[in-house]
Amino acid sequence: MRRFLKIAALNPKLTPHSLRHTHTSLLSQAGVGLPQIMERLGHKDEDTTTKNVYLHVTKEMKKRLPKSSKN
């Protein structure tokens, strides 16, 4: 893993788990639906994907939110 992170010029402290979180958020940002994301991650419970662990709001997603929702 360290070798690949170095080749890609990424933070050497990244883990497979942190890349999984990023992947999930980028899928959402790209407009992939929640059912497809859940299937890809192997999640059965929607809350695991959305509220508890994986789906984080990216800067790009915040730009698209109405002003009243950004806080």
PDB file of N, CA and C in Angstrom:
ATOM      1  N   MET A   1       0.832  -1.187   0.000  1.00  0.00           N
ATOM      2  CA  MET A   1       0.000   0.000   0.000  1.00  0.00           C
ATOM      3  C   MET A   1       0.880   1.255   0.000  1.00  0.00           C
ATOM      4  N   ARG A   2       1.911   1.255   0.838  1.00  0.00           N
ATOM      5  CA  ARG A   2       2.771   2.442   0.912  1.00  0.00           C
ATOM      6  C   ARG A   2       3.390   2.774  -0.441  1.00  0.00           C
ATOM      7  N   ARG A   3       3.788   1.740  -1.150  1.00  0.00           N
ATOM      8  CA  ARG A   3       4.416   1.947  -2.456  1.00  0.00           C
ATOM      9  C   ARG A   3       3.440   2.619  -3.425  1.00  0.00           C
ATOM     10  N   PHE A   4       2.188   2.164  -3.436  1.00  0.00           N
ATOM     11  CA  PHE A   4       1.188   2.740  -4.331  1.00  0.00           C
ATOM     12  C   PHE A   4       0.852   4.175  -3.954  1.00  0.00           C
ATOM     13  N   LEU A   5       0.783   4.446  -2.657  1.00  0.00           N
ATOM     14  CA  LEU A   5       0.526   5.809  -2.207  1.00  0.00           C
ATOM     15  C   LEU A   5       1.658   6.732  -2.637  1.00  0.00           C
ATOM     16  N   LYS A   6       2.887   6.239  -2.554  1.00  0.00           N
ATOM     17  CA  LYS A   6       4.034   7.047  -2.968  1.00  0.00           C
ATOM     18  C   LYS A   6       3.998   7.303  -4.472  1.00  0.00           C
ATOM     19  N   ILE A   7       3.703   6.262  -5.264  1.00  0.00           N
ATOM     20  CA  ILE A   7       3.616   6.413  -6.715  1.00  0.00           C
ATOM     21  C   ILE A   7       2.548   7.436  -7.093  1.00  0.00           C
ATOM     22  N   ALA A   8       1.422   7.400  -6.383  1.00  0.00           N
ATOM     23  CA  ALA A   8       0.313   8.311  -6.672  1.00  0.00           C
ATOM     24  C   ALA A   8       0.472   9.671  -5.999  1.00  0.00           C
ATOM     25  N   ALA A   9       1.546   9.853  -5.268  1.00  0.00           N
ATOM     26  CA  ALA A   9       1.814  11.098  -4.534  1.00  0.00           C
ATOM     27  C   ALA A   9       0.675  11.433  -3.575  1.00  0.00           C
ATOM     28  N   LEU A  10       0.202  10.409  -2.872  1.00  0.00           N
ATOM     29  CA  LEU A  10      -0.856  10.584  -1.880  1.00  0.00           C
ATOM     30  C   LEU A  10      -0.270  10.531  -0.479  1.00  0.00           C
ATOM     31  N   ASN A  11      -1.028  11.001   0.473  1.00  0.00           N
ATOM     32  CA  ASN A  11      -0.629  10.991   1.873  1.00  0.00           C
ATOM     33  C   ASN A  11      -0.282   9.564   2.298  1.00  0.00           C
ATOM     34  N   PRO A  12       0.913   9.333   2.804  1.00  0.00           N
ATOM     35  CA  PRO A  12       1.313   7.982   3.191  1.00  0.00           C
ATOM     36  C   PRO A  12       0.553   7.432   4.397  1.00  0.00           C
ATOM     37  N   LYS A  13      -0.208   8.282   5.075  1.00  0.00           N
ATOM     38  CA  LYS A  13      -0.993   7.825   6.229  1.00  0.00           C
ATOM     39  C   LYS A  13      -2.363   7.277   5.831  1.00  0.00           C
ATOM     40  N   LEU A  14      -2.714   7.366   4.546  1.00  0.00           N
ATOM     41  CA  LEU A  14      -3.995   6.832   4.100  1.00  0.00           C
ATOM     42  C   LEU A  14      -4.042   5.328   4.297  1.00  0.00           C
ATOM     43  N   THR A  15      -5.235   4.841   4.571  1.00  0.00           N
ATOM     44  CA  THR A  15      -5.452   3.405   4.746  1.00  0.00           C
ATOM     45  C   THR A  15      -6.482   2.940   3.722  1.00  0.00           C
ATOM     46  N   PRO A  16      -6.599   1.638   3.499  1.00  0.00           N
ATOM     47  CA  PRO A  16      -7.661   1.158   2.611  1.00  0.00           C
ATOM     48  C   PRO A  16      -9.045   1.639   3.076  1.00  0.00           C
ATOM     49  N   HIS A  17      -9.223   1.700   4.384  1.00  0.00           N
ATOM     50  CA  HIS A  17     -10.516   2.137   4.921  1.00  0.00           C
ATOM     51  C   HIS A  17     -10.787   3.606   4.593  1.00  0.00           C
ATOM     52  N   SER A  18      -9.770   4.450   4.699  1.00  0.00           N
ATOM     53  CA  SER A  18      -9.979   5.872   4.379  1.00  0.00           C
ATOM     54  C   SER A  18     -10.250   6.048   2.886  1.00  0.00           C
ATOM     55  N   LEU A  19      -9.619   5.248   2.059  1.00  0.00           N
ATOM     56  CA  LEU A  19      -9.896   5.319   0.622  1.00  0.00           C
ATOM     57  C   LEU A  19     -11.317   4.849   0.314  1.00  0.00           C
ATOM     58  N   ARG A  20     -11.817   3.896   1.089  1.00  0.00           N
ATOM     59  CA  ARG A  20     -13.197   3.422   0.928  1.00  0.00           C
ATOM     60  C   ARG A  20     -14.187   4.548   1.233  1.00  0.00           C
ATOM     61  N   HIS A  21     -13.910   5.311   2.281  1.00  0.00           N
ATOM     62  CA  HIS A  21     -14.766   6.461   2.615  1.00  0.00           C
ATOM     63  C   HIS A  21     -14.762   7.479   1.484  1.00  0.00           C
ATOM     64  N   THR A  22     -13.585   7.794   0.978  1.00  0.00           N
ATOM     65  CA  THR A  22     -13.459   8.762  -0.113  1.00  0.00           C
ATOM     66  C   THR A  22     -14.201   8.270  -1.347  1.00  0.00           C
ATOM     67  N   HIS A  23     -14.032   7.015  -1.673  1.00  0.00           N
ATOM     68  CA  HIS A  23     -14.701   6.415  -2.822  1.00  0.00           C
ATOM     69  C   HIS A  23     -16.221   6.565  -2.698  1.00  0.00           C
ATOM     70  N   THR A  24     -16.732   6.310  -1.519  1.00  0.00           N
ATOM     71  CA  THR A  24     -18.175   6.406  -1.271  1.00  0.00           C
ATOM     72  C   THR A  24     -18.673   7.828  -1.480  1.00  0.00           C
ATOM     73  N   SER A  25     -17.959   8.805  -0.933  1.00  0.00           N
ATOM     74  CA  SER A  25     -18.365  10.198  -1.072  1.00  0.00           C
ATOM     75  C   SER A  25     -18.286  10.657  -2.529  1.00  0.00           C
ATOM     76  N   LEU A  26     -17.262  10.222  -3.246  1.00  0.00           N
ATOM     77  CA  LEU A  26     -17.124  10.605  -4.656  1.00  0.00           C
ATOM     78  C   LEU A  26     -18.204   9.961  -5.523  1.00  0.00           C
ATOM     79  N   LEU A  27     -18.613   8.744  -5.194  1.00  0.00           N
ATOM     80  CA  LEU A  27     -19.724   8.121  -5.918  1.00  0.00           C
ATOM     81  C   LEU A  27     -20.984   8.960  -5.746  1.00  0.00           C
ATOM     82  N   SER A  28     -21.249   9.377  -4.519  1.00  0.00           N
ATOM     83  CA  SER A  28     -22.433  10.195  -4.244  1.00  0.00           C
ATOM     84  C   SER A  28     -22.346  11.529  -4.979  1.00  0.00           C
ATOM     85  N   GLN A  29     -21.180  12.150  -4.934  1.00  0.00           N
ATOM     86  CA  GLN A  29     -20.971  13.428  -5.612  1.00  0.00           C
ATOM     87  C   GLN A  29     -21.224  13.292  -7.110  1.00  0.00           C
ATOM     88  N   ALA A  30     -20.900  12.141  -7.664  1.00  0.00           N
ATOM     89  CA  ALA A  30     -21.084  11.894  -9.098  1.00  0.00           C
ATOM     90  C   ALA A  30     -22.525  11.551  -9.448  1.00  0.00           C
ATOM     91  N   GLY A  31     -23.393  11.473  -8.442  1.00  0.00           N
ATOM     92  CA  GLY A  31     -24.801  11.221  -8.700  1.00  0.00           C
ATOM     93  C   GLY A  31     -25.205   9.760  -8.676  1.00  0.00           C
ATOM     94  N   VAL A  32     -24.322   8.886  -8.208  1.00  0.00           N
ATOM     95  CA  VAL A  32     -24.668   7.473  -8.092  1.00  0.00           C
ATOM     96  C   VAL A  32     -25.681   7.336  -6.960  1.00  0.00           C
ATOM     97  N   GLY A  33     -26.729   6.578  -7.191  1.00  0.00           N
ATOM     98  CA  GLY A  33     -27.799   6.431  -6.212  1.00  0.00           C
ATOM     99  C   GLY A  33     -27.386   5.617  -4.997  1.00  0.00           C
ATOM    100  N   LEU A  34     -28.075   5.863  -3.897  1.00  0.00           N
ATOM    101  CA  LEU A  34     -27.776   5.174  -2.649  1.00  0.00           C
ATOM    102  C   LEU A  34     -27.876   3.654  -2.778  1.00  0.00           C
ATOM    103  N   PRO A  35     -28.887   3.107  -3.437  1.00  0.00           N
ATOM    104  CA  PRO A  35     -28.942   1.645  -3.568  1.00  0.00           C
ATOM    105  C   PRO A  35     -27.703   1.063  -4.264  1.00  0.00           C
ATOM    106  N   GLN A  36     -27.213   1.752  -5.278  1.00  0.00           N
ATOM    107  CA  GLN A  36     -26.024   1.275  -5.977  1.00  0.00           C
ATOM    108  C   GLN A  36     -24.781   1.377  -5.090  1.00  0.00           C
ATOM    109  N   ILE A  37     -24.682   2.462  -4.329  1.00  0.00           N
ATOM    110  CA  ILE A  37     -23.541   2.623  -3.420  1.00  0.00           C
ATOM    111  C   ILE A  37     -23.574   1.539  -2.351  1.00  0.00           C
ATOM    112  N   MET A  38     -24.744   1.311  -1.777  1.00  0.00           N
ATOM    113  CA  MET A  38     -24.878   0.284  -0.741  1.00  0.00           C
ATOM    114  C   MET A  38     -24.501  -1.085  -1.283  1.00  0.00           C
ATOM    115  N   GLU A  39     -24.940  -1.383  -2.487  1.00  0.00           N
ATOM    116  CA  GLU A  39     -24.604  -2.675  -3.090  1.00  0.00           C
ATOM    117  C   GLU A  39     -23.089  -2.797  -3.287  1.00  0.00           C
ATOM    118  N   ARG A  40     -22.487  -1.739  -3.768  1.00  0.00           N
ATOM    119  CA  ARG A  40     -21.045  -1.756  -4.017  1.00  0.00           C
ATOM    120  C   ARG A  40     -20.250  -1.974  -2.734  1.00  0.00           C
ATOM    121  N   LEU A  41     -20.736  -1.389  -1.634  1.00  0.00           N
ATOM    122  CA  LEU A  41     -20.049  -1.515  -0.350  1.00  0.00           C
ATOM    123  C   LEU A  41     -20.430  -2.785   0.401  1.00  0.00           C
ATOM    124  N   GLY A  42     -21.485  -3.442  -0.045  1.00  0.00           N
ATOM    125  CA  GLY A  42     -21.947  -4.635   0.652  1.00  0.00           C
ATOM    126  C   GLY A  42     -22.754  -4.314   1.898  1.00  0.00           C
ATOM    127  N   HIS A  43     -23.369  -3.138   1.928  1.00  0.00           N
ATOM    128  CA  HIS A  43     -24.181  -2.729   3.079  1.00  0.00           C
ATOM    129  C   HIS A  43     -25.639  -3.129   2.874  1.00  0.00           C
ATOM    130  N   LYS A  44     -26.242  -3.588   3.935  1.00  0.00           N
ATOM    131  CA  LYS A  44     -27.677  -3.894   3.918  1.00  0.00           C
ATOM    132  C   LYS A  44     -28.472  -2.769   4.587  1.00  0.00           C
ATOM    133  N   ASP A  45     -27.839  -2.079   5.528  1.00  0.00           N
ATOM    134  CA  ASP A  45     -28.496  -1.041   6.317  1.00  0.00           C
ATOM    135  C   ASP A  45     -28.131   0.339   5.775  1.00  0.00           C
ATOM    136  N   GLU A  46     -29.140   1.087   5.369  1.00  0.00           N
ATOM    137  CA  GLU A  46     -28.940   2.428   4.806  1.00  0.00           C
ATOM    138  C   GLU A  46     -28.219   3.359   5.779  1.00  0.00           C
ATOM    139  N   ASP A  47     -28.503   3.233   7.069  1.00  0.00           N
ATOM    140  CA  ASP A  47     -27.873   4.115   8.060  1.00  0.00           C
ATOM    141  C   ASP A  47     -26.362   3.931   8.118  1.00  0.00           C
ATOM    142  N   THR A  48     -25.880   2.726   7.888  1.00  0.00           N
ATOM    143  CA  THR A  48     -24.433   2.495   7.891  1.00  0.00           C
ATOM    144  C   THR A  48     -23.786   3.320   6.805  1.00  0.00           C
ATOM    145  N   THR A  49     -24.426   3.398   5.653  1.00  0.00           N
ATOM    146  CA  THR A  49     -23.864   4.121   4.522  1.00  0.00           C
ATOM    147  C   THR A  49     -24.025   5.625   4.675  1.00  0.00           C
ATOM    148  N   THR A  50     -25.158   6.090   5.153  1.00  0.00           N
ATOM    149  CA  THR A  50     -25.440   7.523   5.144  1.00  0.00           C
ATOM    150  C   THR A  50     -25.126   8.239   6.448  1.00  0.00           C
ATOM    151  N   LYS A  51     -25.605   7.748   7.549  1.00  0.00           N
ATOM    152  CA  LYS A  51     -25.533   8.516   8.795  1.00  0.00           C
ATOM    153  C   LYS A  51     -24.337   8.166   9.661  1.00  0.00           C
ATOM    154  N   ASN A  52     -24.022   6.909   9.750  1.00  0.00           N
ATOM    155  CA  ASN A  52     -23.070   6.490  10.770  1.00  0.00           C
ATOM    156  C   ASN A  52     -21.614   6.490  10.336  1.00  0.00           C
ATOM    157  N   VAL A  53     -21.335   6.100   9.105  1.00  0.00           N
ATOM    158  CA  VAL A  53     -19.939   5.836   8.814  1.00  0.00           C
ATOM    159  C   VAL A  53     -19.435   6.432   7.512  1.00  0.00           C
ATOM    160  N   TYR A  54     -20.012   6.060   6.389  1.00  0.00           N
ATOM    161  CA  TYR A  54     -19.304   6.192   5.126  1.00  0.00           C
ATOM    162  C   TYR A  54     -19.511   7.473   4.340  1.00  0.00           C
ATOM    163  N   LEU A  55     -20.694   7.965   4.251  1.00  0.00           N
ATOM    164  CA  LEU A  55     -20.979   9.061   3.333  1.00  0.00           C
ATOM    165  C   LEU A  55     -20.692  10.408   3.990  1.00  0.00           C
ATOM    166  N   HIS A  56     -19.725  11.111   3.460  1.00  0.00           N
ATOM    167  CA  HIS A  56     -19.340  12.428   3.966  1.00  0.00           C
ATOM    168  C   HIS A  56     -19.628  13.458   2.877  1.00  0.00           C
ATOM    169  N   VAL A  57     -20.004  14.647   3.279  1.00  0.00           N
ATOM    170  CA  VAL A  57     -20.282  15.709   2.323  1.00  0.00           C
ATOM    171  C   VAL A  57     -18.958  16.301   1.856  1.00  0.00           C
ATOM    172  N   THR A  58     -18.750  16.340   0.550  1.00  0.00           N
ATOM    173  CA  THR A  58     -17.519  16.901  -0.009  1.00  0.00           C
ATOM    174  C   THR A  58     -17.684  18.404  -0.231  1.00  0.00           C
ATOM    175  N   LYS A  59     -16.589  19.089  -0.479  1.00  0.00           N
ATOM    176  CA  LYS A  59     -16.640  20.525  -0.756  1.00  0.00           C
ATOM    177  C   LYS A  59     -17.500  20.800  -1.984  1.00  0.00           C
ATOM    178  N   GLU A  60     -17.376  19.952  -2.990  1.00  0.00           N
ATOM    179  CA  GLU A  60     -18.162  20.127  -4.215  1.00  0.00           C
ATOM    180  C   GLU A  60     -19.653  19.964  -3.931  1.00  0.00           C
ATOM    181  N   MET A  61     -20.004  19.010  -3.074  1.00  0.00           N
ATOM    182  CA  MET A  61     -21.410  18.810  -2.718  1.00  0.00           C
ATOM    183  C   MET A  61     -21.946  20.024  -1.954  1.00  0.00           C
ATOM    184  N   LYS A  62     -21.126  20.609  -1.081  1.00  0.00           N
ATOM    185  CA  LYS A  62     -21.550  21.794  -0.323  1.00  0.00           C
ATOM    186  C   LYS A  62     -21.839  22.965  -1.248  1.00  0.00           C
ATOM    187  N   LYS A  63     -21.057  23.095  -2.326  1.00  0.00           N
ATOM    188  CA  LYS A  63     -21.270  24.185  -3.279  1.00  0.00           C
ATOM    189  C   LYS A  63     -22.650  24.104  -3.914  1.00  0.00           C
ATOM    190  N   ARG A  64     -23.161  22.897  -4.070  1.00  0.00           N
ATOM    191  CA  ARG A  64     -24.454  22.706  -4.733  1.00  0.00           C
ATOM    192  C   ARG A  64     -25.642  22.849  -3.785  1.00  0.00           C
ATOM    193  N   LEU A  65     -25.386  22.929  -2.479  1.00  0.00           N
ATOM    194  CA  LEU A  65     -26.474  23.042  -1.522  1.00  0.00           C
ATOM    195  C   LEU A  65     -27.051  24.450  -1.517  1.00  0.00           C
ATOM    196  N   PRO A  66     -28.348  24.574  -1.271  1.00  0.00           N
ATOM    197  CA  PRO A  66     -28.904  25.922  -1.084  1.00  0.00           C
ATOM    198  C   PRO A  66     -28.237  26.568   0.123  1.00  0.00           C
ATOM    199  N   LYS A  67     -28.118  27.877   0.123  1.00  0.00           N
ATOM    200  CA  LYS A  67     -27.422  28.595   1.193  1.00  0.00           C
ATOM    201  C   LYS A  67     -27.962  28.246   2.593  1.00  0.00           C
ATOM    202  N   SER A  68     -29.259  28.054   2.729  1.00  0.00           N
ATOM    203  CA  SER A  68     -29.840  27.762   4.038  1.00  0.00           C
ATOM    204  C   SER A  68     -29.463  26.381   4.531  1.00  0.00           C
ATOM    205  N   SER A  69     -28.975  25.488   3.695  1.00  0.00           N
ATOM    206  CA  SER A  69     -28.617  24.128   4.108  1.00  0.00           C
ATOM    207  C   SER A  69     -27.147  23.963   4.434  1.00  0.00           C
ATOM    208  N   LYS A  70     -26.333  24.956   4.203  1.00  0.00           N
ATOM    209  CA  LYS A  70     -24.891  24.812   4.348  1.00  0.00           C
ATOM    210  C   LYS A  70     -24.410  24.811   5.789  1.00  0.00           C
ATOM    211  N   ASN A  71     -25.198  25.261   6.709  1.00  0.00           N
ATOM    212  CA  ASN A  71     -24.750  25.345   8.118  1.00  0.00           C
ATOM    213  C   ASN A  71     -24.897  24.073   8.775  1.00  0.00           C
TER     214      ASN A  71
END
